[in-house]
Amino acid sequence: MEERVKLIRIRELAYEILHCRLQDQTAYHQQDLQEVVELLARVVVDLTNTQLREDADPPTSLKATVSKTRMAYNTMMVKQRDVKVQ
């Protein structure tokens, strides 16, 4: 059950990132977007490795994957506020 909760959290954060990106009047710096893309690519790799059973410690990897997704989400949210304030 804990795995399901973590996967749902990853999905929720990904939806929020999409929502942030699709809002009008929001601009992001290229470096910030590059960081977010890298984090999300790492999330895809982690999830793929877990699903292919090529991960030595799936629970720990899943926890790290949630953290990476959260970092990408936080970057989008913080930068969104920074740009709108300016």
C-alpha atoms as a PDB file:
ATOM      1  CA  MET A   1       0.000   0.000   0.000  1.00  0.00           C
ATOM      2  CA  GLU A   2       2.832   2.425   0.759  1.00  0.00           C
ATOM      3  CA  GLU A   3       4.146   2.009  -2.799  1.00  0.00           C
ATOM      4  CA  ARG A   4       0.740   2.964  -4.177  1.00  0.00           C
ATOM      5  CA  VAL A   5       0.626   6.093  -2.008  1.00  0.00           C
ATOM      6  CA  LYS A   6       4.062   7.172  -3.253  1.00  0.00           C
ATOM      7  CA  LEU A   7       3.095   6.571  -6.865  1.00  0.00           C
ATOM      8  CA  ILE A   8      -0.065   8.612  -6.400  1.00  0.00           C
ATOM      9  CA  ARG A   9       2.019  11.423  -4.885  1.00  0.00           C
ATOM     10  CA  ILE A  10       4.364  11.389  -7.878  1.00  0.00           C
ATOM     11  CA  ARG A  11       1.367  11.614 -10.197  1.00  0.00           C
ATOM     12  CA  GLU A  12      -0.153  14.503  -8.222  1.00  0.00           C
ATOM     13  CA  LEU A  13       3.092  16.464  -8.317  1.00  0.00           C
ATOM     14  CA  ALA A  14       3.487  15.815 -12.047  1.00  0.00           C
ATOM     15  CA  TYR A  15      -0.042  17.117 -12.657  1.00  0.00           C
ATOM     16  CA  GLU A  16       0.785  20.234 -10.647  1.00  0.00           C
ATOM     17  CA  ILE A  17       3.943  20.804 -12.693  1.00  0.00           C
ATOM     18  CA  LEU A  18       1.852  20.561 -15.870  1.00  0.00           C
ATOM     19  CA  HIS A  19      -0.682  22.950 -14.418  1.00  0.00           C
ATOM     20  CA  CYS A  20       2.034  25.489 -13.520  1.00  0.00           C
ATOM     21  CA  ARG A  21       3.608  25.277 -16.944  1.00  0.00           C
ATOM     22  CA  LEU A  22       0.337  25.685 -18.811  1.00  0.00           C
ATOM     23  CA  GLN A  23      -0.772  28.831 -16.980  1.00  0.00           C
ATOM     24  CA  ASP A  24      -0.752  32.028 -18.975  1.00  0.00           C
ATOM     25  CA  GLN A  25       1.514  34.893 -17.912  1.00  0.00           C
ATOM     26  CA  THR A  26       4.109  32.555 -16.499  1.00  0.00           C
ATOM     27  CA  ALA A  27       7.669  32.607 -17.763  1.00  0.00           C
ATOM     28  CA  TYR A  28      10.619  30.563 -16.594  1.00  0.00           C
ATOM     29  CA  HIS A  29      14.335  30.973 -16.990  1.00  0.00           C
ATOM     30  CA  GLN A  30      15.999  28.445 -19.259  1.00  0.00           C
ATOM     31  CA  GLN A  31      18.322  27.174 -16.501  1.00  0.00           C
ATOM     32  CA  ASP A  32      15.362  26.465 -14.215  1.00  0.00           C
ATOM     33  CA  LEU A  33      13.576  24.524 -16.924  1.00  0.00           C
ATOM     34  CA  GLN A  34      16.740  22.539 -17.663  1.00  0.00           C
ATOM     35  CA  GLU A  35      16.954  21.544 -13.993  1.00  0.00           C
ATOM     36  CA  VAL A  36      13.304  20.493 -13.962  1.00  0.00           C
ATOM     37  CA  VAL A  37      13.728  18.447 -17.154  1.00  0.00           C
ATOM     38  CA  GLU A  38      16.761  16.678 -15.681  1.00  0.00           C
ATOM     39  CA  LEU A  39      14.923  15.856 -12.467  1.00  0.00           C
ATOM     40  CA  LEU A  40      11.897  14.552 -14.328  1.00  0.00           C
ATOM     41  CA  ALA A  41      14.083  12.468 -16.643  1.00  0.00           C
ATOM     42  CA  ARG A  42      15.674  10.919 -13.549  1.00  0.00           C
ATOM     43  CA  VAL A  43      12.179  10.201 -12.223  1.00  0.00           C
ATOM     44  CA  VAL A  44      11.330   8.357 -15.443  1.00  0.00           C
ATOM     45  CA  VAL A  45      14.543   6.318 -15.209  1.00  0.00           C
ATOM     46  CA  ASP A  46      13.857   5.443 -11.564  1.00  0.00           C
ATOM     47  CA  LEU A  47      10.272   4.398 -12.242  1.00  0.00           C
ATOM     48  CA  THR A  48      11.304   2.378 -15.268  1.00  0.00           C
ATOM     49  CA  ASN A  49      14.029   0.571 -13.333  1.00  0.00           C
ATOM     50  CA  THR A  50      11.565  -0.196 -10.562  1.00  0.00           C
ATOM     51  CA  GLN A  51       8.983  -1.547 -12.995  1.00  0.00           C
ATOM     52  CA  LEU A  52      11.605  -3.640 -14.810  1.00  0.00           C
ATOM     53  CA  ARG A  53      12.713  -4.996 -11.435  1.00  0.00           C
ATOM     54  CA  GLU A  54      16.266  -3.792 -12.083  1.00  0.00           C
ATOM     55  CA  ASP A  55      16.385  -1.839  -8.851  1.00  0.00           C
ATOM     56  CA  ALA A  56      18.198  -3.306  -5.850  1.00  0.00           C
ATOM     57  CA  ASP A  57      16.066  -1.429  -3.293  1.00  0.00           C
ATOM     58  CA  PRO A  58      12.685  -0.401  -4.755  1.00  0.00           C
ATOM     59  CA  PRO A  59      11.213   1.159  -1.577  1.00  0.00           C
ATOM     60  CA  THR A  60      14.208   3.454  -1.138  1.00  0.00           C
ATOM     61  CA  SER A  61      14.274   4.284  -4.841  1.00  0.00           C
ATOM     62  CA  LEU A  62      10.595   5.135  -4.796  1.00  0.00           C
ATOM     63  CA  LYS A  63      11.117   7.421  -1.823  1.00  0.00           C
ATOM     64  CA  ALA A  64      13.974   9.152  -3.686  1.00  0.00           C
ATOM     65  CA  THR A  65      11.777   9.421  -6.772  1.00  0.00           C
ATOM     66  CA  VAL A  66       9.095  11.228  -4.788  1.00  0.00           C
ATOM     67  CA  SER A  67      11.792  13.607  -3.541  1.00  0.00           C
ATOM     68  CA  LYS A  68      13.039  14.315  -7.073  1.00  0.00           C
ATOM     69  CA  THR A  69       9.508  14.986  -8.261  1.00  0.00           C
ATOM     70  CA  ARG A  70       8.950  17.290  -5.301  1.00  0.00           C
ATOM     71  CA  MET A  71      12.178  19.165  -6.114  1.00  0.00           C
ATOM     72  CA  ALA A  72      11.003  19.690  -9.704  1.00  0.00           C
ATOM     73  CA  TYR A  73       7.627  20.875  -8.435  1.00  0.00           C
ATOM     74  CA  ASN A  74       9.223  23.259  -5.939  1.00  0.00           C
ATOM     75  CA  THR A  75      11.471  24.723  -8.632  1.00  0.00           C
ATOM     76  CA  MET A  76       8.462  25.410 -10.834  1.00  0.00           C
ATOM     77  CA  MET A  77       6.434  26.949  -8.012  1.00  0.00           C
ATOM     78  CA  VAL A  78       9.217  29.151  -6.629  1.00  0.00           C
ATOM     79  CA  LYS A  79      10.291  30.392 -10.043  1.00  0.00           C
ATOM     80  CA  GLN A  80       6.673  30.994 -11.030  1.00  0.00           C
ATOM     81  CA  ARG A  81       6.223  33.306  -8.022  1.00  0.00           C
ATOM     82  CA  ASP A  82       9.574  35.016  -8.653  1.00  0.00           C
ATOM     83  CA  VAL A  83       8.737  35.826 -12.253  1.00  0.00           C
ATOM     84  CA  LYS A  84       5.210  37.051 -11.510  1.00  0.00           C
ATOM     85  CA  VAL A  85       6.470  39.356  -8.753  1.00  0.00           C
ATOM     86  CA  GLN A  86       9.017  41.088 -10.988  1.00  0.00           C
END
